[in-house]
Amino acid sequence: PGKQRELVAAITSGGSTNYADSVKGRFTISRDNAKNTVYLQM
């Protein structure tokens, strides 16, 4: 609320990841290409 939408984490089809500094070390993004599903473990 009252904040701008921000990127938390992203992952490419090849598995490269990018995280916001505020969540590094705490959040993990992953994906299952066969299931077309992305996960965010927090």
Full PDB file with SEQRES, HELIX, SHEET, SSBOND, CRYST1, ORIGX, SCALE, CONECT and MASTER records, all heavy atoms in Angstrom:
SEQRES   1 A   42  PRO GLY LYS GLN ARG GLU LEU VAL ALA ALA ILE THR SER          
SEQRES   2 A   42  GLY GLY SER THR ASN TYR ALA ASP SER VAL LYS GLY ARG          
SEQRES   3 A   42  PHE THR ILE SER ARG ASP ASN ALA LYS ASN THR VAL TYR          
SEQRES   4 A   42  LEU GLN MET                                                  
HELIX    1 AA1 ASP A   21  VAL A   23  5                                   3    
SHEET    1 AA1 2 ALA A   9  ILE A  11  0                                        
SHEET    2 AA1 2 THR A  17  TYR A  19 -1                                        
SHEET    1 AA2 2 THR A  28  ASP A  32  0                                        
SHEET    2 AA2 2 THR A  37  GLN A  41 -1                                        
CRYST1    1.000    1.000    1.000  90.00  90.00  90.00 P 1           1          
ORIGX1      1.000000  0.000000  0.000000        0.00000                         
ORIGX2      0.000000  1.000000  0.000000        0.00000                         
ORIGX3      0.000000  0.000000  1.000000        0.00000                         
SCALE1      1.000000  0.000000  0.000000        0.00000                         
SCALE2      0.000000  1.000000  0.000000        0.00000                         
SCALE3      0.000000  0.000000  1.000000        0.00000                         
ATOM      1  N   PRO A   1       0.820  -1.216   0.000  1.00  0.00           N  
ATOM      2  CA  PRO A   1       0.000   0.000   0.000  1.00  0.00           C  
ATOM      3  C   PRO A   1       0.849   1.261   0.000  1.00  0.00           C  
ATOM      4  O   PRO A   1       1.767   1.408   0.811  1.00  0.00           O  
ATOM      5  CB  PRO A   1      -0.808  -0.130   1.293  1.00  0.00           C  
ATOM      6  CG  PRO A   1      -0.894  -1.596   1.535  1.00  0.00           C  
ATOM      7  CD  PRO A   1       0.439  -2.140   1.082  1.00  0.00           C  
ATOM      8  N   GLY A   2       0.555   2.153  -0.920  1.00  0.00           N  
ATOM      9  CA  GLY A   2       1.286   3.401  -1.011  1.00  0.00           C  
ATOM     10  C   GLY A   2       2.657   3.287  -1.635  1.00  0.00           C  
ATOM     11  O   GLY A   2       3.394   4.281  -1.682  1.00  0.00           O  
ATOM     12  N   LYS A   3       2.998   2.114  -2.107  1.00  0.00           N  
ATOM     13  CA  LYS A   3       4.311   1.886  -2.703  1.00  0.00           C  
ATOM     14  C   LYS A   3       4.186   1.533  -4.179  1.00  0.00           C  
ATOM     15  O   LYS A   3       3.147   1.083  -4.650  1.00  0.00           O  
ATOM     16  CB  LYS A   3       5.048   0.765  -1.969  1.00  0.00           C  
ATOM     17  CG  LYS A   3       5.273   1.011  -0.489  1.00  0.00           C  
ATOM     18  CD  LYS A   3       6.249   2.142  -0.250  1.00  0.00           C  
ATOM     19  CE  LYS A   3       6.547   2.289   1.231  1.00  0.00           C  
ATOM     20  NZ  LYS A   3       7.520   3.384   1.490  1.00  0.00           N  
ATOM     21  N   GLN A   4       5.267   1.743  -4.893  1.00  0.00           N  
ATOM     22  CA  GLN A   4       5.323   1.387  -6.299  1.00  0.00           C  
ATOM     23  C   GLN A   4       5.567  -0.110  -6.455  1.00  0.00           C  
ATOM     24  O   GLN A   4       6.264  -0.721  -5.644  1.00  0.00           O  
ATOM     25  CB  GLN A   4       6.438   2.184  -6.980  1.00  0.00           C  
ATOM     26  CG  GLN A   4       6.522   2.005  -8.481  1.00  0.00           C  
ATOM     27  CD  GLN A   4       7.585   2.895  -9.101  1.00  0.00           C  
ATOM     28  OE1 GLN A   4       8.065   3.831  -8.485  1.00  0.00           O  
ATOM     29  NE2 GLN A   4       7.957   2.602 -10.341  1.00  0.00           N  
ATOM     30  N   ARG A   5       4.992  -0.682  -7.486  1.00  0.00           N  
ATOM     31  CA  ARG A   5       5.233  -2.090  -7.743  1.00  0.00           C  
ATOM     32  C   ARG A   5       6.709  -2.300  -8.070  1.00  0.00           C  
ATOM     33  O   ARG A   5       7.303  -1.566  -8.854  1.00  0.00           O  
ATOM     34  CB  ARG A   5       4.360  -2.587  -8.892  1.00  0.00           C  
ATOM     35  CG  ARG A   5       4.464  -4.083  -9.134  1.00  0.00           C  
ATOM     36  CD  ARG A   5       3.513  -4.557 -10.227  1.00  0.00           C  
ATOM     37  NE  ARG A   5       2.124  -4.335  -9.874  1.00  0.00           N  
ATOM     38  CZ  ARG A   5       1.095  -4.769 -10.597  1.00  0.00           C  
ATOM     39  NH1 ARG A   5       1.307  -5.470 -11.703  1.00  0.00           N  
ATOM     40  NH2 ARG A   5      -0.141  -4.501 -10.206  1.00  0.00           N  
ATOM     41  N   GLU A   6       7.293  -3.325  -7.468  1.00  0.00           N  
ATOM     42  CA  GLU A   6       8.704  -3.581  -7.642  1.00  0.00           C  
ATOM     43  C   GLU A   6       8.964  -5.031  -7.998  1.00  0.00           C  
ATOM     44  O   GLU A   6       8.203  -5.932  -7.628  1.00  0.00           O  
ATOM     45  CB  GLU A   6       9.482  -3.225  -6.360  1.00  0.00           C  
ATOM     46  CG  GLU A   6       9.107  -4.082  -5.157  1.00  0.00           C  
ATOM     47  CD  GLU A   6       9.966  -3.811  -3.936  1.00  0.00           C  
ATOM     48  OE1 GLU A   6      10.997  -3.110  -4.068  1.00  0.00           O  
ATOM     49  OE2 GLU A   6       9.616  -4.303  -2.842  1.00  0.00           O  
ATOM     50  N   LEU A   7      10.049  -5.239  -8.693  1.00  0.00           N  
ATOM     51  CA  LEU A   7      10.477  -6.590  -9.019  1.00  0.00           C  
ATOM     52  C   LEU A   7      11.041  -7.258  -7.777  1.00  0.00           C  
ATOM     53  O   LEU A   7      11.887  -6.690  -7.088  1.00  0.00           O  
ATOM     54  CB  LEU A   7      11.534  -6.562 -10.120  1.00  0.00           C  
ATOM     55  CG  LEU A   7      12.200  -7.906 -10.449  1.00  0.00           C  
ATOM     56  CD1 LEU A   7      11.197  -8.848 -11.102  1.00  0.00           C  
ATOM     57  CD2 LEU A   7      13.411  -7.699 -11.355  1.00  0.00           C  
ATOM     58  N   VAL A   8      10.592  -8.462  -7.513  1.00  0.00           N  
ATOM     59  CA  VAL A   8      11.103  -9.252  -6.405  1.00  0.00           C  
ATOM     60  C   VAL A   8      12.159 -10.224  -6.908  1.00  0.00           C  
ATOM     61  O   VAL A   8      13.266 -10.296  -6.374  1.00  0.00           O  
ATOM     62  CB  VAL A   8       9.981 -10.017  -5.685  1.00  0.00           C  
ATOM     63  CG1 VAL A   8      10.551 -10.892  -4.569  1.00  0.00           C  
ATOM     64  CG2 VAL A   8       8.949  -9.044  -5.131  1.00  0.00           C  
ATOM     65  N   ALA A   9      11.808 -10.992  -7.912  1.00  0.00           N  
ATOM     66  CA  ALA A   9      12.716 -11.977  -8.476  1.00  0.00           C  
ATOM     67  C   ALA A   9      12.265 -12.347  -9.868  1.00  0.00           C  
ATOM     68  O   ALA A   9      11.080 -12.283 -10.183  1.00  0.00           O  
ATOM     69  CB  ALA A   9      12.787 -13.226  -7.588  1.00  0.00           C  
ATOM     70  N   ALA A  10      13.209 -12.728 -10.699  1.00  0.00           N  
ATOM     71  CA  ALA A  10      12.904 -13.143 -12.056  1.00  0.00           C  
ATOM     72  C   ALA A  10      13.804 -14.305 -12.438  1.00  0.00           C  
ATOM     73  O   ALA A  10      14.909 -14.454 -11.907  1.00  0.00           O  
ATOM     74  CB  ALA A  10      13.082 -11.987 -13.034  1.00  0.00           C  
ATOM     75  N   ILE A  11      13.330 -15.098 -13.369  1.00  0.00           N  
ATOM     76  CA  ILE A  11      14.098 -16.244 -13.829  1.00  0.00           C  
ATOM     77  C   ILE A  11      13.848 -16.447 -15.310  1.00  0.00           C  
ATOM     78  O   ILE A  11      12.721 -16.379 -15.790  1.00  0.00           O  
ATOM     79  CB  ILE A  11      13.741 -17.512 -13.010  1.00  0.00           C  
ATOM     80  CG1 ILE A  11      14.625 -18.690 -13.425  1.00  0.00           C  
ATOM     81  CG2 ILE A  11      12.261 -17.845 -13.134  1.00  0.00           C  
ATOM     82  CD1 ILE A  11      14.520 -19.874 -12.468  1.00  0.00           C  
ATOM     83  N   THR A  12      14.907 -16.683 -16.054  1.00  0.00           N  
ATOM     84  CA  THR A  12      14.794 -16.911 -17.486  1.00  0.00           C  
ATOM     85  C   THR A  12      14.519 -18.380 -17.761  1.00  0.00           C  
ATOM     86  O   THR A  12      14.598 -19.231 -16.877  1.00  0.00           O  
ATOM     87  CB  THR A  12      16.075 -16.488 -18.219  1.00  0.00           C  
ATOM     88  OG1 THR A  12      17.144 -17.378 -17.862  1.00  0.00           O  
ATOM     89  CG2 THR A  12      16.468 -15.064 -17.857  1.00  0.00           C  
ATOM     90  N   SER A  13      14.212 -18.668 -19.011  1.00  0.00           N  
ATOM     91  CA  SER A  13      13.977 -20.055 -19.391  1.00  0.00           C  
ATOM     92  C   SER A  13      15.222 -20.909 -19.216  1.00  0.00           C  
ATOM     93  O   SER A  13      15.119 -22.124 -19.046  1.00  0.00           O  
ATOM     94  CB  SER A  13      13.493 -20.134 -20.845  1.00  0.00           C  
ATOM     95  OG  SER A  13      14.452 -19.591 -21.738  1.00  0.00           O  
ATOM     96  N   GLY A  14      16.388 -20.273 -19.248  1.00  0.00           N  
ATOM     97  CA  GLY A  14      17.633 -20.980 -19.051  1.00  0.00           C  
ATOM     98  C   GLY A  14      18.048 -21.133 -17.604  1.00  0.00           C  
ATOM     99  O   GLY A  14      19.050 -21.800 -17.312  1.00  0.00           O  
ATOM    100  N   GLY A  15      17.299 -20.515 -16.694  1.00  0.00           N  
ATOM    101  CA  GLY A  15      17.577 -20.675 -15.282  1.00  0.00           C  
ATOM    102  C   GLY A  15      18.336 -19.536 -14.630  1.00  0.00           C  
ATOM    103  O   GLY A  15      18.616 -19.605 -13.421  1.00  0.00           O  
ATOM    104  N   SER A  16      18.677 -18.498 -15.371  1.00  0.00           N  
ATOM    105  CA  SER A  16      19.338 -17.350 -14.767  1.00  0.00           C  
ATOM    106  C   SER A  16      18.357 -16.586 -13.895  1.00  0.00           C  
ATOM    107  O   SER A  16      17.199 -16.392 -14.269  1.00  0.00           O  
ATOM    108  CB  SER A  16      19.904 -16.428 -15.845  1.00  0.00           C  
ATOM    109  OG  SER A  16      20.892 -17.091 -16.607  1.00  0.00           O  
ATOM    110  N   THR A  17      18.820 -16.132 -12.741  1.00  0.00           N  
ATOM    111  CA  THR A  17      17.938 -15.471 -11.780  1.00  0.00           C  
ATOM    112  C   THR A  17      18.419 -14.077 -11.440  1.00  0.00           C  
ATOM    113  O   THR A  17      19.598 -13.740 -11.586  1.00  0.00           O  
ATOM    114  CB  THR A  17      17.830 -16.286 -10.485  1.00  0.00           C  
ATOM    115  OG1 THR A  17      19.132 -16.454  -9.911  1.00  0.00           O  
ATOM    116  CG2 THR A  17      17.226 -17.654 -10.760  1.00  0.00           C  
ATOM    117  N   ASN A  18      17.483 -13.282 -10.966  1.00  0.00           N  
ATOM    118  CA  ASN A  18      17.767 -11.928 -10.527  1.00  0.00           C  
ATOM    119  C   ASN A  18      16.859 -11.623  -9.350  1.00  0.00           C  
ATOM    120  O   ASN A  18      15.666 -11.935  -9.392  1.00  0.00           O  
ATOM    121  CB  ASN A  18      17.539 -10.935 -11.667  1.00  0.00           C  
ATOM    122  CG  ASN A  18      17.985  -9.528 -11.318  1.00  0.00           C  
ATOM    123  OD1 ASN A  18      18.921  -9.344 -10.545  1.00  0.00           O  
ATOM    124  ND2 ASN A  18      17.334  -8.533 -11.898  1.00  0.00           N  
ATOM    125  N   TYR A  19      17.417 -11.006  -8.307  1.00  0.00           N  
ATOM    126  CA  TYR A  19      16.664 -10.721  -7.098  1.00  0.00           C  
ATOM    127  C   TYR A  19      16.802  -9.267  -6.688  1.00  0.00           C  
ATOM    128  O   TYR A  19      17.846  -8.643  -6.899  1.00  0.00           O  
ATOM    129  CB  TYR A  19      17.150 -11.576  -5.928  1.00  0.00           C  
ATOM    130  CG  TYR A  19      16.953 -13.057  -6.094  1.00  0.00           C  
ATOM    131  CD1 TYR A  19      17.952 -13.849  -6.647  1.00  0.00           C  
ATOM    132  CD2 TYR A  19      15.781 -13.671  -5.672  1.00  0.00           C  
ATOM    133  CE1 TYR A  19      17.778 -15.215  -6.788  1.00  0.00           C  
ATOM    134  CE2 TYR A  19      15.604 -15.036  -5.811  1.00  0.00           C  
ATOM    135  CZ  TYR A  19      16.604 -15.803  -6.367  1.00  0.00           C  
ATOM    136  OH  TYR A  19      16.428 -17.170  -6.505  1.00  0.00           O  
ATOM    137  N   ALA A  20      15.762  -8.764  -6.074  1.00  0.00           N  
ATOM    138  CA  ALA A  20      15.867  -7.477  -5.419  1.00  0.00           C  
ATOM    139  C   ALA A  20      16.796  -7.609  -4.220  1.00  0.00           C  
ATOM    140  O   ALA A  20      16.839  -8.649  -3.560  1.00  0.00           O  
ATOM    141  CB  ALA A  20      14.492  -6.995  -4.958  1.00  0.00           C  
ATOM    142  N   ASP A  21      17.540  -6.555  -3.935  1.00  0.00           N  
ATOM    143  CA  ASP A  21      18.482  -6.605  -2.825  1.00  0.00           C  
ATOM    144  C   ASP A  21      17.794  -6.921  -1.496  1.00  0.00           C  
ATOM    145  O   ASP A  21      18.375  -7.579  -0.629  1.00  0.00           O  
ATOM    146  CB  ASP A  21      19.230  -5.278  -2.710  1.00  0.00           C  
ATOM    147  CG  ASP A  21      20.228  -5.067  -3.833  1.00  0.00           C  
ATOM    148  OD1 ASP A  21      20.635  -6.054  -4.470  1.00  0.00           O  
ATOM    149  OD2 ASP A  21      20.608  -3.903  -4.065  1.00  0.00           O  
ATOM    150  N   SER A  22      16.579  -6.473  -1.341  1.00  0.00           N  
ATOM    151  CA  SER A  22      15.871  -6.643  -0.085  1.00  0.00           C  
ATOM    152  C   SER A  22      15.498  -8.094   0.221  1.00  0.00           C  
ATOM    153  O   SER A  22      15.180  -8.416   1.365  1.00  0.00           O  
ATOM    154  CB  SER A  22      14.604  -5.782  -0.065  1.00  0.00           C  
ATOM    155  OG  SER A  22      13.732  -6.147  -1.120  1.00  0.00           O  
ATOM    156  N   VAL A  23      15.539  -8.957  -0.781  1.00  0.00           N  
ATOM    157  CA  VAL A  23      15.129 -10.344  -0.567  1.00  0.00           C  
ATOM    158  C   VAL A  23      16.252 -11.339  -0.801  1.00  0.00           C  
ATOM    159  O   VAL A  23      16.055 -12.545  -0.587  1.00  0.00           O  
ATOM    160  CB  VAL A  23      13.922 -10.724  -1.451  1.00  0.00           C  
ATOM    161  CG1 VAL A  23      12.779  -9.743  -1.234  1.00  0.00           C  
ATOM    162  CG2 VAL A  23      14.316 -10.782  -2.921  1.00  0.00           C  
ATOM    163  N   LYS A  24      17.402 -10.880  -1.203  1.00  0.00           N  
ATOM    164  CA  LYS A  24      18.518 -11.785  -1.448  1.00  0.00           C  
ATOM    165  C   LYS A  24      18.875 -12.543  -0.178  1.00  0.00           C  
ATOM    166  O   LYS A  24      18.970 -11.972   0.897  1.00  0.00           O  
ATOM    167  CB  LYS A  24      19.737 -11.011  -1.953  1.00  0.00           C  
ATOM    168  CG  LYS A  24      19.624 -10.530  -3.390  1.00  0.00           C  
ATOM    169  CD  LYS A  24      20.884  -9.809  -3.838  1.00  0.00           C  
ATOM    170  CE  LYS A  24      20.781  -9.361  -5.280  1.00  0.00           C  
ATOM    171  NZ  LYS A  24      21.983  -8.617  -5.723  1.00  0.00           N  
ATOM    172  N   GLY A  25      19.064 -13.832  -0.331  1.00  0.00           N  
ATOM    173  CA  GLY A  25      19.385 -14.679   0.799  1.00  0.00           C  
ATOM    174  C   GLY A  25      18.180 -15.222   1.525  1.00  0.00           C  
ATOM    175  O   GLY A  25      18.315 -16.117   2.362  1.00  0.00           O  
ATOM    176  N   ARG A  26      17.006 -14.687   1.230  1.00  0.00           N  
ATOM    177  CA  ARG A  26      15.781 -15.135   1.886  1.00  0.00           C  
ATOM    178  C   ARG A  26      14.786 -15.760   0.915  1.00  0.00           C  
ATOM    179  O   ARG A  26      14.059 -16.680   1.270  1.00  0.00           O  
ATOM    180  CB  ARG A  26      15.102 -13.978   2.619  1.00  0.00           C  
ATOM    181  CG  ARG A  26      15.960 -13.352   3.708  1.00  0.00           C  
ATOM    182  CD  ARG A  26      15.172 -12.332   4.528  1.00  0.00           C  
ATOM    183  NE  ARG A  26      14.689 -11.224   3.710  1.00  0.00           N  
ATOM    184  CZ  ARG A  26      13.409 -10.942   3.503  1.00  0.00           C  
ATOM    185  NH1 ARG A  26      12.466 -11.695   4.077  1.00  0.00           N  
ATOM    186  NH2 ARG A  26      13.061  -9.911   2.753  1.00  0.00           N  
ATOM    187  N   PHE A  27      14.736 -15.243  -0.296  1.00  0.00           N  
ATOM    188  CA  PHE A  27      13.794 -15.739  -1.292  1.00  0.00           C  
ATOM    189  C   PHE A  27      14.540 -16.519  -2.367  1.00  0.00           C  
ATOM    190  O   PHE A  27      15.669 -16.172  -2.737  1.00  0.00           O  
ATOM    191  CB  PHE A  27      13.043 -14.589  -1.967  1.00  0.00           C  
ATOM    192  CG  PHE A  27      12.072 -13.852  -1.082  1.00  0.00           C  
ATOM    193  CD1 PHE A  27      12.016 -14.073   0.280  1.00  0.00           C  
ATOM    194  CD2 PHE A  27      11.206 -12.928  -1.641  1.00  0.00           C  
ATOM    195  CE1 PHE A  27      11.127 -13.390   1.091  1.00  0.00           C  
ATOM    196  CE2 PHE A  27      10.305 -12.238  -0.845  1.00  0.00           C  
ATOM    197  CZ  PHE A  27      10.268 -12.467   0.519  1.00  0.00           C  
ATOM    198  N   THR A  28      13.898 -17.533  -2.894  1.00  0.00           N  
ATOM    199  CA  THR A  28      14.458 -18.318  -3.976  1.00  0.00           C  
ATOM    200  C   THR A  28      13.406 -18.527  -5.054  1.00  0.00           C  
ATOM    201  O   THR A  28      12.316 -19.021  -4.769  1.00  0.00           O  
ATOM    202  CB  THR A  28      14.965 -19.684  -3.488  1.00  0.00           C  
ATOM    203  OG1 THR A  28      15.953 -19.502  -2.471  1.00  0.00           O  
ATOM    204  CG2 THR A  28      15.585 -20.457  -4.646  1.00  0.00           C  
ATOM    205  N   ILE A  29      13.738 -18.154  -6.269  1.00  0.00           N  
ATOM    206  CA  ILE A  29      12.828 -18.358  -7.380  1.00  0.00           C  
ATOM    207  C   ILE A  29      13.280 -19.574  -8.184  1.00  0.00           C  
ATOM    208  O   ILE A  29      14.477 -19.801  -8.353  1.00  0.00           O  
ATOM    209  CB  ILE A  29      12.739 -17.104  -8.283  1.00  0.00           C  
ATOM    210  CG1 ILE A  29      11.626 -17.266  -9.321  1.00  0.00           C  
ATOM    211  CG2 ILE A  29      14.075 -16.806  -8.956  1.00  0.00           C  
ATOM    212  CD1 ILE A  29      11.317 -15.976 -10.091  1.00  0.00           C  
ATOM    213  N   SER A  30      12.330 -20.338  -8.651  1.00  0.00           N  
ATOM    214  CA  SER A  30      12.619 -21.502  -9.462  1.00  0.00           C  
ATOM    215  C   SER A  30      11.475 -21.720 -10.436  1.00  0.00           C  
ATOM    216  O   SER A  30      10.407 -21.112 -10.308  1.00  0.00           O  
ATOM    217  CB  SER A  30      12.838 -22.746  -8.589  1.00  0.00           C  
ATOM    218  OG  SER A  30      11.676 -23.054  -7.840  1.00  0.00           O  
ATOM    219  N   ARG A  31      11.687 -22.576 -11.411  1.00  0.00           N  
ATOM    220  CA  ARG A  31      10.633 -22.844 -12.378  1.00  0.00           C  
ATOM    221  C   ARG A  31      10.716 -24.270 -12.878  1.00  0.00           C  
ATOM    222  O   ARG A  31      11.788 -24.887 -12.900  1.00  0.00           O  
ATOM    223  CB  ARG A  31      10.684 -21.857 -13.552  1.00  0.00           C  
ATOM    224  CG  ARG A  31      11.906 -21.993 -14.449  1.00  0.00           C  
ATOM    225  CD  ARG A  31      11.996 -20.847 -15.452  1.00  0.00           C  
ATOM    226  NE  ARG A  31      10.979 -20.945 -16.497  1.00  0.00           N  
ATOM    227  CZ  ARG A  31      10.759 -20.016 -17.436  1.00  0.00           C  
ATOM    228  NH1 ARG A  31      11.469 -18.895 -17.415  1.00  0.00           N  
ATOM    229  NH2 ARG A  31       9.830 -20.193 -18.348  1.00  0.00           N  
ATOM    230  N   ASP A  32       9.579 -24.762 -13.276  1.00  0.00           N  
ATOM    231  CA  ASP A  32       9.464 -26.069 -13.885  1.00  0.00           C  
ATOM    232  C   ASP A  32       8.919 -25.830 -15.284  1.00  0.00           C  
ATOM    233  O   ASP A  32       7.724 -25.591 -15.459  1.00  0.00           O  
ATOM    234  CB  ASP A  32       8.538 -26.969 -13.074  1.00  0.00           C  
ATOM    235  CG  ASP A  32       8.497 -28.396 -13.586  1.00  0.00           C  
ATOM    236  OD1 ASP A  32       8.740 -28.607 -14.788  1.00  0.00           O  
ATOM    237  OD2 ASP A  32       8.211 -29.303 -12.789  1.00  0.00           O  
ATOM    238  N   ASN A  33       9.789 -25.864 -16.268  1.00  0.00           N  
ATOM    239  CA  ASN A  33       9.378 -25.547 -17.631  1.00  0.00           C  
ATOM    240  C   ASN A  33       8.360 -26.547 -18.181  1.00  0.00           C  
ATOM    241  O   ASN A  33       7.492 -26.178 -18.969  1.00  0.00           O  
ATOM    242  CB  ASN A  33      10.602 -25.494 -18.547  1.00  0.00           C  
ATOM    243  CG  ASN A  33      11.481 -24.292 -18.270  1.00  0.00           C  
ATOM    244  OD1 ASN A  33      11.003 -23.245 -17.833  1.00  0.00           O  
ATOM    245  ND2 ASN A  33      12.772 -24.429 -18.532  1.00  0.00           N  
ATOM    246  N   ALA A  34       8.480 -27.790 -17.778  1.00  0.00           N  
ATOM    247  CA  ALA A  34       7.544 -28.803 -18.243  1.00  0.00           C  
ATOM    248  C   ALA A  34       6.131 -28.518 -17.757  1.00  0.00           C  
ATOM    249  O   ALA A  34       5.152 -28.840 -18.435  1.00  0.00           O  
ATOM    250  CB  ALA A  34       7.991 -30.189 -17.801  1.00  0.00           C  
ATOM    251  N   LYS A  35       6.022 -27.914 -16.581  1.00  0.00           N  
ATOM    252  CA  LYS A  35       4.721 -27.593 -16.004  1.00  0.00           C  
ATOM    253  C   LYS A  35       4.336 -26.136 -16.209  1.00  0.00           C  
ATOM    254  O   LYS A  35       3.252 -25.721 -15.784  1.00  0.00           O  
ATOM    255  CB  LYS A  35       4.712 -27.909 -14.513  1.00  0.00           C  
ATOM    256  CG  LYS A  35       4.901 -29.379 -14.179  1.00  0.00           C  
ATOM    257  CD  LYS A  35       4.858 -29.600 -12.674  1.00  0.00           C  
ATOM    258  CE  LYS A  35       5.017 -31.072 -12.336  1.00  0.00           C  
ATOM    259  NZ  LYS A  35       4.983 -31.299 -10.870  1.00  0.00           N  
ATOM    260  N   ASN A  36       5.216 -25.365 -16.828  1.00  0.00           N  
ATOM    261  CA  ASN A  36       4.983 -23.934 -17.018  1.00  0.00           C  
ATOM    262  C   ASN A  36       4.616 -23.253 -15.704  1.00  0.00           C  
ATOM    263  O   ASN A  36       3.669 -22.464 -15.627  1.00  0.00           O  
ATOM    264  CB  ASN A  36       3.892 -23.702 -18.065  1.00  0.00           C  
ATOM    265  CG  ASN A  36       4.321 -24.126 -19.448  1.00  0.00           C  
ATOM    266  OD1 ASN A  36       5.432 -23.842 -19.876  1.00  0.00           O  
ATOM    267  ND2 ASN A  36       3.431 -24.815 -20.163  1.00  0.00           N  
ATOM    268  N   THR A  37       5.385 -23.563 -14.696  1.00  0.00           N  
ATOM    269  CA  THR A  37       5.113 -23.066 -13.361  1.00  0.00           C  
ATOM    270  C   THR A  37       6.361 -22.432 -12.764  1.00  0.00           C  
ATOM    271  O   THR A  37       7.465 -22.960 -12.909  1.00  0.00           O  
ATOM    272  CB  THR A  37       4.624 -24.199 -12.439  1.00  0.00           C  
ATOM    273  OG1 THR A  37       3.426 -24.762 -12.979  1.00  0.00           O  
ATOM    274  CG2 THR A  37       4.329 -23.683 -11.042  1.00  0.00           C  
ATOM    275  N   VAL A  38       6.173 -21.316 -12.101  1.00  0.00           N  
ATOM    276  CA  VAL A  38       7.256 -20.643 -11.403  1.00  0.00           C  
ATOM    277  C   VAL A  38       6.920 -20.599  -9.917  1.00  0.00           C  
ATOM    278  O   VAL A  38       5.749 -20.477  -9.534  1.00  0.00           O  
ATOM    279  CB  VAL A  38       7.500 -19.225 -11.962  1.00  0.00           C  
ATOM    280  CG1 VAL A  38       6.281 -18.330 -11.749  1.00  0.00           C  
ATOM    281  CG2 VAL A  38       8.748 -18.607 -11.342  1.00  0.00           C  
ATOM    282  N   TYR A  39       7.942 -20.712  -9.090  1.00  0.00           N  
ATOM    283  CA  TYR A  39       7.765 -20.748  -7.647  1.00  0.00           C  
ATOM    284  C   TYR A  39       8.588 -19.650  -6.988  1.00  0.00           C  
ATOM    285  O   TYR A  39       9.614 -19.219  -7.504  1.00  0.00           O  
ATOM    286  CB  TYR A  39       8.201 -22.096  -7.076  1.00  0.00           C  
ATOM    287  CG  TYR A  39       7.562 -23.290  -7.738  1.00  0.00           C  
ATOM    288  CD1 TYR A  39       8.181 -23.930  -8.803  1.00  0.00           C  
ATOM    289  CD2 TYR A  39       6.338 -23.785  -7.291  1.00  0.00           C  
ATOM    290  CE1 TYR A  39       7.600 -25.026  -9.414  1.00  0.00           C  
ATOM    291  CE2 TYR A  39       5.755 -24.874  -7.894  1.00  0.00           C  
ATOM    292  CZ  TYR A  39       6.381 -25.496  -8.954  1.00  0.00           C  
ATOM    293  OH  TYR A  39       5.794 -26.589  -9.554  1.00  0.00           O  
ATOM    294  N   LEU A  40       8.141 -19.243  -5.842  1.00  0.00           N  
ATOM    295  CA  LEU A  40       8.904 -18.323  -5.020  1.00  0.00           C  
ATOM    296  C   LEU A  40       8.887 -18.840  -3.596  1.00  0.00           C  
ATOM    297  O   LEU A  40       7.858 -18.765  -2.913  1.00  0.00           O  
ATOM    298  CB  LEU A  40       8.332 -16.901  -5.079  1.00  0.00           C  
ATOM    299  CG  LEU A  40       9.153 -15.836  -4.348  1.00  0.00           C  
ATOM    300  CD1 LEU A  40      10.496 -15.626  -5.057  1.00  0.00           C  
ATOM    301  CD2 LEU A  40       8.393 -14.516  -4.270  1.00  0.00           C  
ATOM    302  N   GLN A  41      10.007 -19.377  -3.164  1.00  0.00           N  
ATOM    303  CA  GLN A  41      10.146 -19.857  -1.797  1.00  0.00           C  
ATOM    304  C   GLN A  41      10.630 -18.702  -0.935  1.00  0.00           C  
ATOM    305  O   GLN A  41      11.692 -18.134  -1.199  1.00  0.00           O  
ATOM    306  CB  GLN A  41      11.131 -21.019  -1.724  1.00  0.00           C  
ATOM    307  CG  GLN A  41      11.340 -21.579  -0.325  1.00  0.00           C  
ATOM    308  CD  GLN A  41      10.104 -22.246   0.221  1.00  0.00           C  
ATOM    309  OE1 GLN A  41       9.524 -23.126  -0.418  1.00  0.00           O  
ATOM    310  NE2 GLN A  41       9.666 -21.825   1.406  1.00  0.00           N  
ATOM    311  N   MET A  42       9.874 -18.369   0.073  1.00  0.00           N  
ATOM    312  CA  MET A  42      10.178 -17.237   0.925  1.00  0.00           C  
ATOM    313  C   MET A  42      10.395 -17.726   2.356  1.00  0.00           C  
ATOM    314  O   MET A  42       9.533 -18.388   2.921  1.00  0.00           O  
ATOM    315  CB  MET A  42       9.049 -16.209   0.894  1.00  0.00           C  
ATOM    316  CG  MET A  42       8.689 -15.725  -0.502  1.00  0.00           C  
ATOM    317  SD  MET A  42       7.387 -14.466  -0.502  1.00  0.00           S  
ATOM    318  CE  MET A  42       5.993 -15.456   0.056  1.00  0.00           C  
TER     319      MET A  42                                                      
MASTER        0    0    0    1    4    0    0    6  318    1    0    4          
END                                                                             
